[in-house]
Amino acid sequence: MSLTKYEFSQTASAFFEIPTEMAMPLLPKPLQTLESHHGSSIFAVTAFDFTESMIGAYQEVVMSIIVPPLVRPSGEFPKSAFYPFVLATSTAESRVHALERWHLPHHTMDIAIDFSEKNGSLAVTVREGDAPIVDFTVTEHQWEDVNHLYQCNMKDDSGRYKVDIHMQGNFCEHEEERGSLTLHDHPMCAGLDPAEITDYPFRELWMKRGRQLFEKLETL
């Protein structure tokens, strides 16, 4: 199997409740949201500090809606399936790579991400120049080495796609609701009403010294 590999120093992801009526316009048909309970869907923010890839080192932030996963022919069930409705990177090369290879929708300007680890928490600050985009925090739990399967769904003018992604590294995950979220007035946050999205995550994920492995892109 041919895999596309990205090494990272760390990545953090946090899941927040969002009204389904706000989440649905962010999805292309026929995708549906995966509800945490009736009327409430899941908004995810994920940040990466990539140290090695075919287009060099870069940073990336992804805003997604969680959707129902597709079971693989092997029967393996992904931990989560994402539909990224917007993402941004710190370099032009990584932006072109994600658009052309993975059909991912991009904010067109470079961003910068600060990862600040202190006392068992990781604060992530995303900015475009002096303009803040999103701030969020996750906290640690029990660490373990893992190899987890996720899915990513994409759609552009050329069609609908899916790719299976393996995340390998030192990982912790919990639902202690100790993290936080601040969404700022920025084009990446268009369509999101911060007053209607919970400002603490119901699930926090944090991985260090890991790799992200993409399988072959599938056309749906």
N, C-alpha and C. Protein backbone atom coordinates (compact mmCIF):
# COMPACT_ATOMS: atom_id res chain seq x y z
N MET A 1 0.84 -1.20 0.00
CA MET A 1 0.00 0.00 0.00
C MET A 1 0.88 1.25 0.00
N SER A 2 0.62 2.17 -0.91
CA SER A 2 1.36 3.42 -0.98
C SER A 2 0.74 4.44 -0.03
N LEU A 3 1.56 4.97 0.88
CA LEU A 3 1.08 5.92 1.88
C LEU A 3 1.83 7.24 1.74
N THR A 4 1.11 8.35 1.94
CA THR A 4 1.72 9.67 1.97
C THR A 4 1.94 10.04 3.43
N LYS A 5 3.20 10.35 3.78
CA LYS A 5 3.57 10.51 5.19
C LYS A 5 3.85 11.96 5.55
N TYR A 6 3.35 12.36 6.73
CA TYR A 6 3.61 13.67 7.30
C TYR A 6 4.03 13.47 8.76
N GLU A 7 5.22 13.94 9.13
CA GLU A 7 5.69 13.86 10.51
C GLU A 7 5.33 15.15 11.24
N PHE A 8 4.97 15.03 12.53
CA PHE A 8 4.64 16.24 13.29
C PHE A 8 5.21 16.15 14.71
N SER A 9 5.48 17.34 15.28
CA SER A 9 5.92 17.40 16.68
C SER A 9 4.74 17.21 17.61
N GLN A 10 3.62 17.82 17.24
CA GLN A 10 2.39 17.59 17.98
C GLN A 10 1.18 18.09 17.19
N THR A 11 0.05 17.52 17.57
CA THR A 11 -1.23 17.95 17.01
C THR A 11 -2.26 17.93 18.12
N ALA A 12 -3.21 18.82 18.04
CA ALA A 12 -4.29 18.89 19.02
C ALA A 12 -5.61 19.04 18.29
N SER A 13 -6.64 18.39 18.82
CA SER A 13 -7.98 18.49 18.25
C SER A 13 -8.98 18.55 19.39
N ALA A 14 -10.01 19.36 19.20
CA ALA A 14 -11.05 19.50 20.22
C ALA A 14 -12.41 19.49 19.54
N PHE A 15 -13.36 18.78 20.16
CA PHE A 15 -14.71 18.62 19.63
C PHE A 15 -15.68 19.44 20.47
N PHE A 16 -16.52 20.22 19.78
CA PHE A 16 -17.48 21.10 20.45
C PHE A 16 -18.88 20.86 19.90
N GLU A 17 -19.88 21.09 20.72
CA GLU A 17 -21.26 20.97 20.26
C GLU A 17 -21.65 22.22 19.48
N ILE A 18 -22.33 21.99 18.35
CA ILE A 18 -22.80 23.06 17.47
C ILE A 18 -24.22 22.72 17.05
N PRO A 19 -25.13 23.68 16.97
CA PRO A 19 -26.48 23.36 16.52
C PRO A 19 -26.46 22.72 15.13
N THR A 20 -27.21 21.67 14.95
CA THR A 20 -27.25 20.99 13.65
C THR A 20 -27.68 21.94 12.54
N GLU A 21 -28.60 22.86 12.83
CA GLU A 21 -29.05 23.80 11.81
C GLU A 21 -27.94 24.76 11.38
N MET A 22 -26.92 24.95 12.20
CA MET A 22 -25.76 25.75 11.82
C MET A 22 -24.73 24.90 11.08
N ALA A 23 -24.63 23.63 11.45
CA ALA A 23 -23.62 22.75 10.84
C ALA A 23 -24.00 22.31 9.43
N MET A 24 -25.28 22.05 9.19
CA MET A 24 -25.69 21.48 7.91
C MET A 24 -25.32 22.33 6.70
N PRO A 25 -25.46 23.67 6.73
CA PRO A 25 -25.07 24.46 5.56
C PRO A 25 -23.58 24.38 5.23
N LEU A 26 -22.77 23.91 6.16
CA LEU A 26 -21.34 23.78 5.93
C LEU A 26 -20.98 22.48 5.21
N LEU A 27 -21.95 21.57 5.07
CA LEU A 27 -21.73 20.28 4.45
C LEU A 27 -22.30 20.24 3.03
N PRO A 28 -21.61 19.58 2.10
CA PRO A 28 -22.19 19.35 0.78
C PRO A 28 -23.15 18.17 0.84
N LYS A 29 -24.15 18.18 0.00
CA LYS A 29 -25.04 17.02 -0.09
C LYS A 29 -24.29 15.88 -0.76
N PRO A 30 -24.50 14.63 -0.36
CA PRO A 30 -25.53 14.14 0.57
C PRO A 30 -25.02 13.92 1.99
N LEU A 31 -23.88 14.51 2.37
CA LEU A 31 -23.36 14.30 3.72
C LEU A 31 -24.32 14.80 4.77
N GLN A 32 -24.36 14.10 5.89
CA GLN A 32 -25.15 14.48 7.04
C GLN A 32 -24.23 14.60 8.26
N THR A 33 -24.66 15.36 9.23
CA THR A 33 -23.87 15.46 10.46
C THR A 33 -24.05 14.21 11.31
N LEU A 34 -23.07 13.96 12.15
CA LEU A 34 -23.20 12.95 13.20
C LEU A 34 -23.56 13.70 14.47
N GLU A 35 -24.77 13.51 14.96
CA GLU A 35 -25.24 14.27 16.11
C GLU A 35 -24.77 13.63 17.41
N SER A 36 -24.36 14.48 18.36
CA SER A 36 -24.03 14.01 19.70
C SER A 36 -25.30 13.73 20.49
N HIS A 37 -26.33 14.51 20.21
CA HIS A 37 -27.70 14.25 20.66
C HIS A 37 -28.62 15.06 19.75
N HIS A 38 -29.91 14.86 19.87
CA HIS A 38 -30.84 15.45 18.91
C HIS A 38 -30.67 16.96 18.82
N GLY A 39 -30.45 17.44 17.60
CA GLY A 39 -30.33 18.87 17.35
C GLY A 39 -28.94 19.43 17.58
N SER A 40 -28.01 18.59 18.02
CA SER A 40 -26.66 19.06 18.33
C SER A 40 -25.63 18.22 17.58
N SER A 41 -24.84 18.87 16.74
CA SER A 41 -23.80 18.20 15.96
C SER A 41 -22.43 18.53 16.54
N ILE A 42 -21.37 18.18 15.80
CA ILE A 42 -20.01 18.27 16.35
C ILE A 42 -19.12 19.09 15.43
N PHE A 43 -18.57 20.16 15.98
CA PHE A 43 -17.61 21.03 15.32
C PHE A 43 -16.22 20.70 15.88
N ALA A 44 -15.25 20.48 15.00
CA ALA A 44 -13.91 20.11 15.44
C ALA A 44 -12.89 21.13 14.93
N VAL A 45 -11.96 21.49 15.81
CA VAL A 45 -10.81 22.32 15.44
C VAL A 45 -9.55 21.49 15.67
N THR A 46 -8.70 21.42 14.66
CA THR A 46 -7.48 20.62 14.74
C THR A 46 -6.30 21.45 14.26
N ALA A 47 -5.19 21.39 14.99
CA ALA A 47 -3.99 22.12 14.60
C ALA A 47 -2.80 21.16 14.56
N PHE A 48 -1.94 21.34 13.56
CA PHE A 48 -0.76 20.49 13.37
C PHE A 48 0.50 21.35 13.31
N ASP A 49 1.59 20.81 13.85
CA ASP A 49 2.91 21.38 13.65
C ASP A 49 3.74 20.33 12.91
N PHE A 50 3.68 20.38 11.58
CA PHE A 50 4.38 19.39 10.76
C PHE A 50 5.87 19.74 10.67
N THR A 51 6.70 18.74 10.93
CA THR A 51 8.15 18.94 10.91
C THR A 51 8.80 18.37 9.66
N GLU A 52 8.11 17.43 8.99
CA GLU A 52 8.68 16.80 7.80
C GLU A 52 7.56 16.32 6.89
N SER A 53 7.66 16.65 5.60
CA SER A 53 6.70 16.20 4.59
C SER A 53 7.34 16.40 3.23
N MET A 54 6.66 16.00 2.17
CA MET A 54 7.19 16.17 0.83
C MET A 54 7.28 17.63 0.42
N ILE A 55 6.60 18.52 1.17
CA ILE A 55 6.69 19.95 0.86
C ILE A 55 7.28 20.71 2.05
N GLY A 56 8.06 20.02 2.88
CA GLY A 56 8.77 20.67 3.97
C GLY A 56 7.96 20.81 5.24
N ALA A 57 8.49 21.60 6.17
CA ALA A 57 7.81 21.85 7.44
C ALA A 57 6.77 22.95 7.27
N TYR A 58 5.66 22.80 7.97
CA TYR A 58 4.62 23.83 7.93
C TYR A 58 3.64 23.58 9.07
N GLN A 59 2.75 24.54 9.27
CA GLN A 59 1.68 24.43 10.27
C GLN A 59 0.34 24.47 9.56
N GLU A 60 -0.66 23.88 10.21
CA GLU A 60 -1.98 23.78 9.58
C GLU A 60 -3.06 23.82 10.65
N VAL A 61 -4.15 24.51 10.36
CA VAL A 61 -5.34 24.47 11.20
C VAL A 61 -6.52 24.04 10.33
N VAL A 62 -7.36 23.17 10.88
CA VAL A 62 -8.48 22.60 10.14
C VAL A 62 -9.75 22.79 10.95
N MET A 63 -10.80 23.30 10.31
CA MET A 63 -12.12 23.38 10.92
C MET A 63 -13.04 22.41 10.19
N SER A 64 -13.69 21.53 10.96
CA SER A 64 -14.45 20.43 10.37
C SER A 64 -15.78 20.24 11.06
N ILE A 65 -16.66 19.53 10.36
CA ILE A 65 -17.88 18.97 10.94
C ILE A 65 -17.71 17.46 10.95
N ILE A 66 -18.05 16.82 12.06
CA ILE A 66 -17.96 15.37 12.17
C ILE A 66 -19.16 14.73 11.47
N VAL A 67 -18.89 13.73 10.64
CA VAL A 67 -19.93 13.05 9.85
C VAL A 67 -19.85 11.56 10.13
N PRO A 68 -20.89 10.79 9.76
CA PRO A 68 -20.84 9.34 9.97
C PRO A 68 -19.73 8.71 9.13
N PRO A 69 -18.93 7.84 9.72
CA PRO A 69 -17.85 7.19 8.96
C PRO A 69 -18.38 6.05 8.09
N LEU A 70 -17.59 5.70 7.09
CA LEU A 70 -17.87 4.55 6.24
C LEU A 70 -17.01 3.39 6.72
N VAL A 71 -17.63 2.23 6.90
CA VAL A 71 -16.88 1.06 7.35
C VAL A 71 -16.03 0.53 6.20
N ARG A 72 -14.77 0.23 6.47
CA ARG A 72 -13.87 -0.30 5.46
C ARG A 72 -14.24 -1.74 5.11
N PRO A 73 -13.86 -2.20 3.91
CA PRO A 73 -14.14 -3.60 3.54
C PRO A 73 -13.58 -4.60 4.54
N SER A 74 -12.49 -4.22 5.22
CA SER A 74 -11.90 -5.10 6.22
C SER A 74 -12.74 -5.18 7.49
N GLY A 75 -13.72 -4.26 7.61
CA GLY A 75 -14.54 -4.21 8.81
C GLY A 75 -14.00 -3.26 9.86
N GLU A 76 -12.81 -2.69 9.61
CA GLU A 76 -12.23 -1.75 10.57
C GLU A 76 -13.06 -0.47 10.60
N PHE A 77 -13.35 0.02 11.81
CA PHE A 77 -14.24 1.16 11.97
C PHE A 77 -13.42 2.38 12.40
N PRO A 78 -13.47 3.47 11.64
CA PRO A 78 -12.71 4.67 12.01
C PRO A 78 -13.18 5.26 13.34
N LYS A 79 -12.24 5.87 14.05
CA LYS A 79 -12.61 6.54 15.30
C LYS A 79 -13.52 7.72 15.04
N SER A 80 -13.26 8.48 13.98
CA SER A 80 -14.08 9.63 13.60
C SER A 80 -13.93 9.86 12.11
N ALA A 81 -14.94 10.51 11.52
CA ALA A 81 -14.88 10.94 10.12
C ALA A 81 -15.13 12.44 10.07
N PHE A 82 -14.29 13.15 9.34
CA PHE A 82 -14.32 14.61 9.29
C PHE A 82 -14.73 15.09 7.90
N TYR A 83 -15.45 16.22 7.86
CA TYR A 83 -15.57 16.98 6.63
C TYR A 83 -14.96 18.36 6.91
N PRO A 84 -13.73 18.61 6.44
CA PRO A 84 -13.12 19.93 6.63
C PRO A 84 -13.80 20.95 5.71
N PHE A 85 -14.41 21.96 6.30
CA PHE A 85 -15.03 22.99 5.47
C PHE A 85 -14.09 24.15 5.20
N VAL A 86 -13.01 24.27 5.98
CA VAL A 86 -11.97 25.24 5.68
C VAL A 86 -10.72 24.86 6.46
N LEU A 87 -9.57 25.08 5.84
CA LEU A 87 -8.31 24.93 6.55
C LEU A 87 -7.33 25.97 6.02
N ALA A 88 -6.28 26.18 6.79
CA ALA A 88 -5.28 27.17 6.42
C ALA A 88 -3.91 26.63 6.82
N THR A 89 -2.89 27.06 6.07
CA THR A 89 -1.54 26.61 6.33
C THR A 89 -0.60 27.81 6.39
N SER A 90 0.64 27.53 6.80
CA SER A 90 1.61 28.60 7.00
C SER A 90 2.48 28.87 5.78
N THR A 91 2.36 28.03 4.73
CA THR A 91 3.18 28.23 3.53
C THR A 91 2.35 28.05 2.27
N ALA A 92 2.76 28.72 1.21
CA ALA A 92 2.06 28.59 -0.07
C ALA A 92 2.21 27.18 -0.64
N GLU A 93 3.39 26.55 -0.44
CA GLU A 93 3.62 25.21 -0.98
C GLU A 93 2.66 24.19 -0.37
N SER A 94 2.45 24.27 0.93
CA SER A 94 1.54 23.32 1.59
C SER A 94 0.10 23.57 1.18
N ARG A 95 -0.23 24.81 0.92
CA ARG A 95 -1.59 25.14 0.49
C ARG A 95 -1.87 24.54 -0.89
N VAL A 96 -0.96 24.72 -1.82
CA VAL A 96 -1.13 24.16 -3.17
C VAL A 96 -1.17 22.63 -3.10
N HIS A 97 -0.32 22.05 -2.29
CA HIS A 97 -0.28 20.59 -2.12
C HIS A 97 -1.63 20.05 -1.65
N ALA A 98 -2.21 20.67 -0.63
CA ALA A 98 -3.49 20.19 -0.09
C ALA A 98 -4.63 20.37 -1.08
N LEU A 99 -4.59 21.45 -1.83
CA LEU A 99 -5.64 21.69 -2.83
C LEU A 99 -5.55 20.69 -3.98
N GLU A 100 -4.36 20.50 -4.51
CA GLU A 100 -4.22 19.68 -5.71
C GLU A 100 -4.24 18.19 -5.40
N ARG A 101 -3.63 17.78 -4.30
CA ARG A 101 -3.54 16.35 -4.00
C ARG A 101 -4.76 15.84 -3.26
N TRP A 102 -5.30 16.65 -2.32
CA TRP A 102 -6.37 16.16 -1.44
C TRP A 102 -7.69 16.91 -1.60
N HIS A 103 -7.77 17.89 -2.49
CA HIS A 103 -9.03 18.59 -2.78
C HIS A 103 -9.60 19.26 -1.52
N LEU A 104 -8.73 19.80 -0.70
CA LEU A 104 -9.16 20.40 0.56
C LEU A 104 -9.37 21.90 0.40
N PRO A 105 -10.46 22.44 0.95
CA PRO A 105 -10.79 23.86 0.80
C PRO A 105 -9.91 24.74 1.69
N HIS A 106 -9.29 25.74 1.11
CA HIS A 106 -8.30 26.52 1.84
C HIS A 106 -8.63 28.00 1.95
N HIS A 107 -8.31 28.56 3.11
CA HIS A 107 -8.16 30.00 3.24
C HIS A 107 -6.88 30.37 2.49
N THR A 108 -6.89 31.45 1.74
CA THR A 108 -5.83 31.70 0.76
C THR A 108 -4.62 32.45 1.31
N MET A 109 -4.63 32.81 2.59
CA MET A 109 -3.51 33.55 3.16
C MET A 109 -2.75 32.69 4.16
N ASP A 110 -1.46 32.99 4.32
CA ASP A 110 -0.64 32.26 5.29
C ASP A 110 -1.10 32.58 6.72
N ILE A 111 -1.03 31.57 7.57
CA ILE A 111 -1.34 31.75 8.99
C ILE A 111 -0.14 31.30 9.81
N ALA A 112 -0.17 31.61 11.10
CA ALA A 112 0.86 31.16 12.03
C ALA A 112 0.18 30.59 13.26
N ILE A 113 0.76 29.53 13.82
CA ILE A 113 0.18 28.87 14.99
C ILE A 113 1.23 28.81 16.09
N ASP A 114 0.82 29.19 17.29
CA ASP A 114 1.67 29.05 18.47
C ASP A 114 1.14 27.92 19.33
N PHE A 115 2.00 26.95 19.64
CA PHE A 115 1.66 25.85 20.54
C PHE A 115 2.40 26.10 21.85
N SER A 116 1.66 26.34 22.92
CA SER A 116 2.27 26.65 24.21
C SER A 116 1.86 25.59 25.23
N GLU A 117 2.82 24.75 25.61
CA GLU A 117 2.56 23.66 26.55
C GLU A 117 3.01 24.06 27.95
N LYS A 118 2.10 23.89 28.93
CA LYS A 118 2.43 24.27 30.30
C LYS A 118 1.51 23.55 31.27
N ASN A 119 2.09 22.92 32.28
CA ASN A 119 1.33 22.30 33.37
C ASN A 119 0.24 21.36 32.87
N GLY A 120 0.59 20.52 31.90
CA GLY A 120 -0.36 19.52 31.44
C GLY A 120 -1.44 20.02 30.51
N SER A 121 -1.26 21.21 29.95
CA SER A 121 -2.23 21.73 28.98
C SER A 121 -1.48 22.27 27.77
N LEU A 122 -2.18 22.33 26.65
CA LEU A 122 -1.62 22.87 25.42
C LEU A 122 -2.54 23.97 24.92
N ALA A 123 -2.01 25.19 24.87
CA ALA A 123 -2.77 26.33 24.34
C ALA A 123 -2.36 26.55 22.89
N VAL A 124 -3.35 26.61 22.00
CA VAL A 124 -3.11 26.77 20.57
C VAL A 124 -3.69 28.12 20.14
N THR A 125 -2.85 28.96 19.56
CA THR A 125 -3.27 30.28 19.10
C THR A 125 -3.00 30.38 17.60
N VAL A 126 -4.04 30.68 16.83
CA VAL A 126 -3.93 30.75 15.37
C VAL A 126 -4.20 32.18 14.93
N ARG A 127 -3.29 32.73 14.12
CA ARG A 127 -3.42 34.11 13.68
C ARG A 127 -3.06 34.22 12.20
N GLU A 128 -3.62 35.25 11.58
CA GLU A 128 -3.20 35.68 10.24
C GLU A 128 -2.61 37.07 10.39
N GLY A 129 -1.30 37.16 10.41
CA GLY A 129 -0.67 38.43 10.73
C GLY A 129 -1.03 38.82 12.16
N ASP A 130 -1.59 40.01 12.32
CA ASP A 130 -2.02 40.46 13.65
C ASP A 130 -3.47 40.09 13.95
N ALA A 131 -4.15 39.46 13.01
CA ALA A 131 -5.58 39.15 13.18
C ALA A 131 -5.75 37.77 13.80
N PRO A 132 -6.37 37.68 14.98
CA PRO A 132 -6.62 36.37 15.58
C PRO A 132 -7.72 35.63 14.83
N ILE A 133 -7.58 34.31 14.75
CA ILE A 133 -8.57 33.46 14.09
C ILE A 133 -9.29 32.59 15.10
N VAL A 134 -8.53 31.78 15.82
CA VAL A 134 -9.11 30.89 16.82
C VAL A 134 -8.06 30.58 17.88
N ASP A 135 -8.51 30.50 19.12
CA ASP A 135 -7.69 30.04 20.24
C ASP A 135 -8.41 28.87 20.88
N PHE A 136 -7.66 27.81 21.18
CA PHE A 136 -8.27 26.71 21.93
C PHE A 136 -7.21 26.01 22.78
N THR A 137 -7.67 25.32 23.80
CA THR A 137 -6.77 24.57 24.67
C THR A 137 -7.28 23.15 24.82
N VAL A 138 -6.33 22.24 24.99
CA VAL A 138 -6.63 20.87 25.37
C VAL A 138 -5.76 20.53 26.57
N THR A 139 -6.14 19.50 27.30
CA THR A 139 -5.41 19.09 28.49
C THR A 139 -5.06 17.62 28.40
N GLU A 140 -4.03 17.24 29.15
CA GLU A 140 -3.54 15.87 29.04
C GLU A 140 -4.33 14.91 29.92
N HIS A 141 -4.20 13.64 29.57
CA HIS A 141 -4.82 12.55 30.32
C HIS A 141 -3.79 11.42 30.35
N GLN A 142 -4.21 10.20 30.24
CA GLN A 142 -3.28 9.08 30.23
C GLN A 142 -2.67 8.92 28.84
N TRP A 143 -1.34 8.95 28.76
CA TRP A 143 -0.65 8.86 27.48
C TRP A 143 -0.40 7.40 27.09
N GLU A 144 -0.52 7.12 25.78
CA GLU A 144 -0.22 5.79 25.26
C GLU A 144 0.17 5.91 23.80
N ASP A 145 0.95 4.95 23.32
CA ASP A 145 1.31 4.89 21.90
C ASP A 145 0.18 4.20 21.14
N VAL A 146 -0.28 4.83 20.05
CA VAL A 146 -1.45 4.32 19.33
C VAL A 146 -1.21 4.34 17.83
N ASN A 147 -2.08 3.63 17.12
CA ASN A 147 -2.20 3.69 15.66
C ASN A 147 -3.69 3.71 15.37
N HIS A 148 -4.25 4.90 15.17
CA HIS A 148 -5.69 5.07 15.03
C HIS A 148 -6.07 5.38 13.58
N LEU A 149 -7.25 4.93 13.21
CA LEU A 149 -7.79 5.18 11.87
C LEU A 149 -8.85 6.27 11.92
N TYR A 150 -8.74 7.24 11.00
CA TYR A 150 -9.73 8.29 10.82
C TYR A 150 -10.09 8.36 9.34
N GLN A 151 -11.15 9.12 9.03
CA GLN A 151 -11.53 9.36 7.64
C GLN A 151 -11.70 10.86 7.41
N CYS A 152 -11.40 11.25 6.17
CA CYS A 152 -11.60 12.63 5.75
C CYS A 152 -12.41 12.63 4.46
N ASN A 153 -13.46 13.45 4.42
CA ASN A 153 -14.31 13.59 3.24
C ASN A 153 -14.04 14.94 2.58
N MET A 154 -14.03 14.96 1.26
CA MET A 154 -13.78 16.18 0.52
C MET A 154 -14.74 16.29 -0.66
N LYS A 155 -15.01 17.53 -1.07
CA LYS A 155 -15.81 17.78 -2.27
C LYS A 155 -15.37 19.09 -2.89
N ASP A 156 -15.17 19.07 -4.21
CA ASP A 156 -14.93 20.29 -4.97
C ASP A 156 -15.62 20.16 -6.32
N ASP A 157 -15.30 21.04 -7.24
CA ASP A 157 -15.99 21.02 -8.54
C ASP A 157 -15.71 19.75 -9.34
N SER A 158 -14.66 19.02 -8.98
CA SER A 158 -14.31 17.81 -9.74
C SER A 158 -14.98 16.56 -9.19
N GLY A 159 -15.57 16.62 -7.99
CA GLY A 159 -16.25 15.45 -7.46
C GLY A 159 -16.16 15.33 -5.95
N ARG A 160 -16.60 14.14 -5.45
CA ARG A 160 -16.55 13.83 -4.03
C ARG A 160 -15.47 12.78 -3.78
N TYR A 161 -14.78 12.93 -2.64
CA TYR A 161 -13.65 12.06 -2.35
C TYR A 161 -13.64 11.67 -0.87
N LYS A 162 -12.90 10.60 -0.60
CA LYS A 162 -12.67 10.15 0.77
C LYS A 162 -11.25 9.61 0.85
N VAL A 163 -10.63 9.82 2.00
CA VAL A 163 -9.32 9.22 2.23
C VAL A 163 -9.26 8.71 3.67
N ASP A 164 -8.67 7.54 3.84
CA ASP A 164 -8.44 6.98 5.17
C ASP A 164 -7.08 7.45 5.66
N ILE A 165 -7.03 7.84 6.93
CA ILE A 165 -5.83 8.43 7.52
C ILE A 165 -5.46 7.67 8.79
N HIS A 166 -4.19 7.30 8.90
CA HIS A 166 -3.70 6.64 10.11
C HIS A 166 -2.89 7.66 10.92
N MET A 167 -3.20 7.75 12.20
CA MET A 167 -2.49 8.63 13.12
C MET A 167 -1.71 7.77 14.10
N GLN A 168 -0.38 7.93 14.08
CA GLN A 168 0.49 7.13 14.93
C GLN A 168 1.31 8.06 15.82
N GLY A 169 1.36 7.78 17.12
CA GLY A 169 2.16 8.59 18.01
C GLY A 169 1.76 8.40 19.45
N ASN A 170 2.32 9.25 20.31
CA ASN A 170 2.01 9.24 21.74
C ASN A 170 0.77 10.10 21.95
N PHE A 171 -0.28 9.51 22.51
CA PHE A 171 -1.63 10.09 22.39
C PHE A 171 -2.36 10.05 23.72
N CYS A 172 -3.18 11.07 23.94
CA CYS A 172 -4.14 11.03 25.04
C CYS A 172 -5.46 11.62 24.55
N GLU A 173 -6.54 11.12 25.14
CA GLU A 173 -7.90 11.53 24.76
C GLU A 173 -8.79 11.41 25.99
N HIS A 174 -9.67 12.38 26.17
CA HIS A 174 -10.58 12.29 27.31
C HIS A 174 -11.79 13.19 27.08
N GLU A 175 -12.76 13.07 27.96
CA GLU A 175 -13.99 13.87 27.91
C GLU A 175 -14.24 14.55 29.26
N GLU A 176 -13.18 15.14 29.80
CA GLU A 176 -13.27 15.79 31.11
C GLU A 176 -13.72 17.25 31.02
N GLU A 177 -13.85 17.78 29.80
CA GLU A 177 -14.35 19.15 29.58
C GLU A 177 -13.51 20.21 30.29
N ARG A 178 -12.19 20.08 30.15
CA ARG A 178 -11.29 21.04 30.81
C ARG A 178 -10.72 22.07 29.83
N GLY A 179 -10.94 21.88 28.53
CA GLY A 179 -10.37 22.78 27.54
C GLY A 179 -11.22 24.02 27.31
N SER A 180 -10.88 24.77 26.24
CA SER A 180 -11.60 26.02 25.97
C SER A 180 -11.55 26.33 24.47
N LEU A 181 -12.40 27.28 24.07
CA LEU A 181 -12.47 27.72 22.67
C LEU A 181 -12.84 29.19 22.60
N THR A 182 -12.11 29.93 21.76
CA THR A 182 -12.48 31.31 21.42
C THR A 182 -12.39 31.46 19.91
N LEU A 183 -13.52 31.74 19.28
CA LEU A 183 -13.57 32.01 17.84
C LEU A 183 -13.60 33.52 17.63
N HIS A 184 -12.77 34.01 16.73
CA HIS A 184 -12.68 35.44 16.48
C HIS A 184 -13.38 35.83 15.18
N ASP A 185 -13.58 37.12 15.00
CA ASP A 185 -14.20 37.65 13.79
C ASP A 185 -13.18 37.59 12.66
N HIS A 186 -13.28 36.54 11.85
CA HIS A 186 -12.30 36.30 10.78
C HIS A 186 -13.00 35.53 9.67
N PRO A 187 -12.59 35.70 8.40
CA PRO A 187 -13.25 34.97 7.31
C PRO A 187 -13.30 33.46 7.49
N MET A 188 -12.30 32.87 8.16
CA MET A 188 -12.34 31.43 8.37
C MET A 188 -13.50 31.00 9.25
N CYS A 189 -13.99 31.90 10.07
CA CYS A 189 -15.07 31.59 11.01
C CYS A 189 -16.44 32.02 10.48
N ALA A 190 -16.51 32.43 9.21
CA ALA A 190 -17.79 32.81 8.62
C ALA A 190 -18.74 31.61 8.67
N GLY A 191 -19.98 31.88 9.01
CA GLY A 191 -20.97 30.80 9.14
C GLY A 191 -21.02 30.19 10.51
N LEU A 192 -20.13 30.62 11.40
CA LEU A 192 -20.12 30.12 12.78
C LEU A 192 -20.53 31.23 13.73
N ASP A 193 -21.48 30.94 14.59
CA ASP A 193 -21.90 31.90 15.61
C ASP A 193 -21.32 31.44 16.94
N PRO A 194 -20.28 32.12 17.45
CA PRO A 194 -19.64 31.68 18.69
C PRO A 194 -20.62 31.56 19.86
N ALA A 195 -21.67 32.37 19.85
CA ALA A 195 -22.63 32.32 20.95
C ALA A 195 -23.42 31.01 20.97
N GLU A 196 -23.47 30.30 19.82
CA GLU A 196 -24.24 29.07 19.72
C GLU A 196 -23.38 27.81 19.78
N ILE A 197 -22.06 27.97 19.88
CA ILE A 197 -21.14 26.84 19.96
C ILE A 197 -20.57 26.79 21.37
N THR A 198 -20.54 25.61 21.96
CA THR A 198 -20.01 25.51 23.32
C THR A 198 -18.56 25.99 23.34
N ASP A 199 -18.18 26.69 24.41
CA ASP A 199 -16.82 27.23 24.51
C ASP A 199 -15.89 26.31 25.29
N TYR A 200 -16.32 25.07 25.53
CA TYR A 200 -15.45 24.06 26.13
C TYR A 200 -15.66 22.76 25.34
N PRO A 201 -14.63 21.99 25.10
CA PRO A 201 -14.77 20.77 24.31
C PRO A 201 -15.31 19.62 25.16
N PHE A 202 -16.18 18.82 24.55
CA PHE A 202 -16.61 17.61 25.24
C PHE A 202 -15.63 16.46 24.98
N ARG A 203 -14.73 16.64 24.00
CA ARG A 203 -13.67 15.65 23.77
C ARG A 203 -12.39 16.38 23.39
N GLU A 204 -11.29 15.98 24.02
CA GLU A 204 -9.99 16.58 23.77
C GLU A 204 -9.01 15.49 23.33
N LEU A 205 -8.26 15.77 22.24
CA LEU A 205 -7.29 14.83 21.69
C LEU A 205 -5.95 15.55 21.52
N TRP A 206 -4.88 14.87 21.91
CA TRP A 206 -3.55 15.48 21.87
C TRP A 206 -2.56 14.38 21.52
N MET A 207 -1.74 14.61 20.50
CA MET A 207 -0.74 13.62 20.09
C MET A 207 0.61 14.30 19.91
N LYS A 208 1.67 13.64 20.39
CA LYS A 208 3.03 14.15 20.27
C LYS A 208 3.90 13.18 19.48
N ARG A 209 4.92 13.76 18.82
CA ARG A 209 5.96 12.97 18.14
C ARG A 209 5.34 11.87 17.29
N GLY A 210 4.51 12.30 16.35
CA GLY A 210 3.75 11.32 15.59
C GLY A 210 3.87 11.49 14.08
N ARG A 211 3.10 10.67 13.41
CA ARG A 211 3.04 10.73 11.95
C ARG A 211 1.60 10.55 11.50
N GLN A 212 1.29 11.19 10.40
CA GLN A 212 -0.03 11.11 9.75
C GLN A 212 0.19 10.43 8.40
N LEU A 213 -0.49 9.30 8.19
CA LEU A 213 -0.32 8.52 6.98
C LEU A 213 -1.62 8.50 6.18
N PHE A 214 -1.59 9.05 4.98
CA PHE A 214 -2.75 9.07 4.10
C PHE A 214 -2.71 7.86 3.17
N GLU A 215 -3.81 7.13 3.09
CA GLU A 215 -3.94 6.09 2.08
C GLU A 215 -4.30 6.74 0.74
N LYS A 216 -4.58 5.92 -0.25
CA LYS A 216 -4.91 6.42 -1.58
C LYS A 216 -6.26 7.13 -1.57
N LEU A 217 -6.34 8.25 -2.26
CA LEU A 217 -7.59 9.00 -2.38
C LEU A 217 -8.62 8.18 -3.14
N GLU A 218 -9.85 8.12 -2.61
CA GLU A 218 -10.93 7.38 -3.26
C GLU A 218 -11.98 8.35 -3.79
N THR A 219 -12.47 8.08 -4.99
CA THR A 219 -13.57 8.85 -5.56
C THR A 219 -14.89 8.20 -5.18
N LEU A 220 -15.83 8.99 -4.69
CA LEU A 220 -17.13 8.46 -4.26
C LEU A 220 -18.17 8.67 -5.36
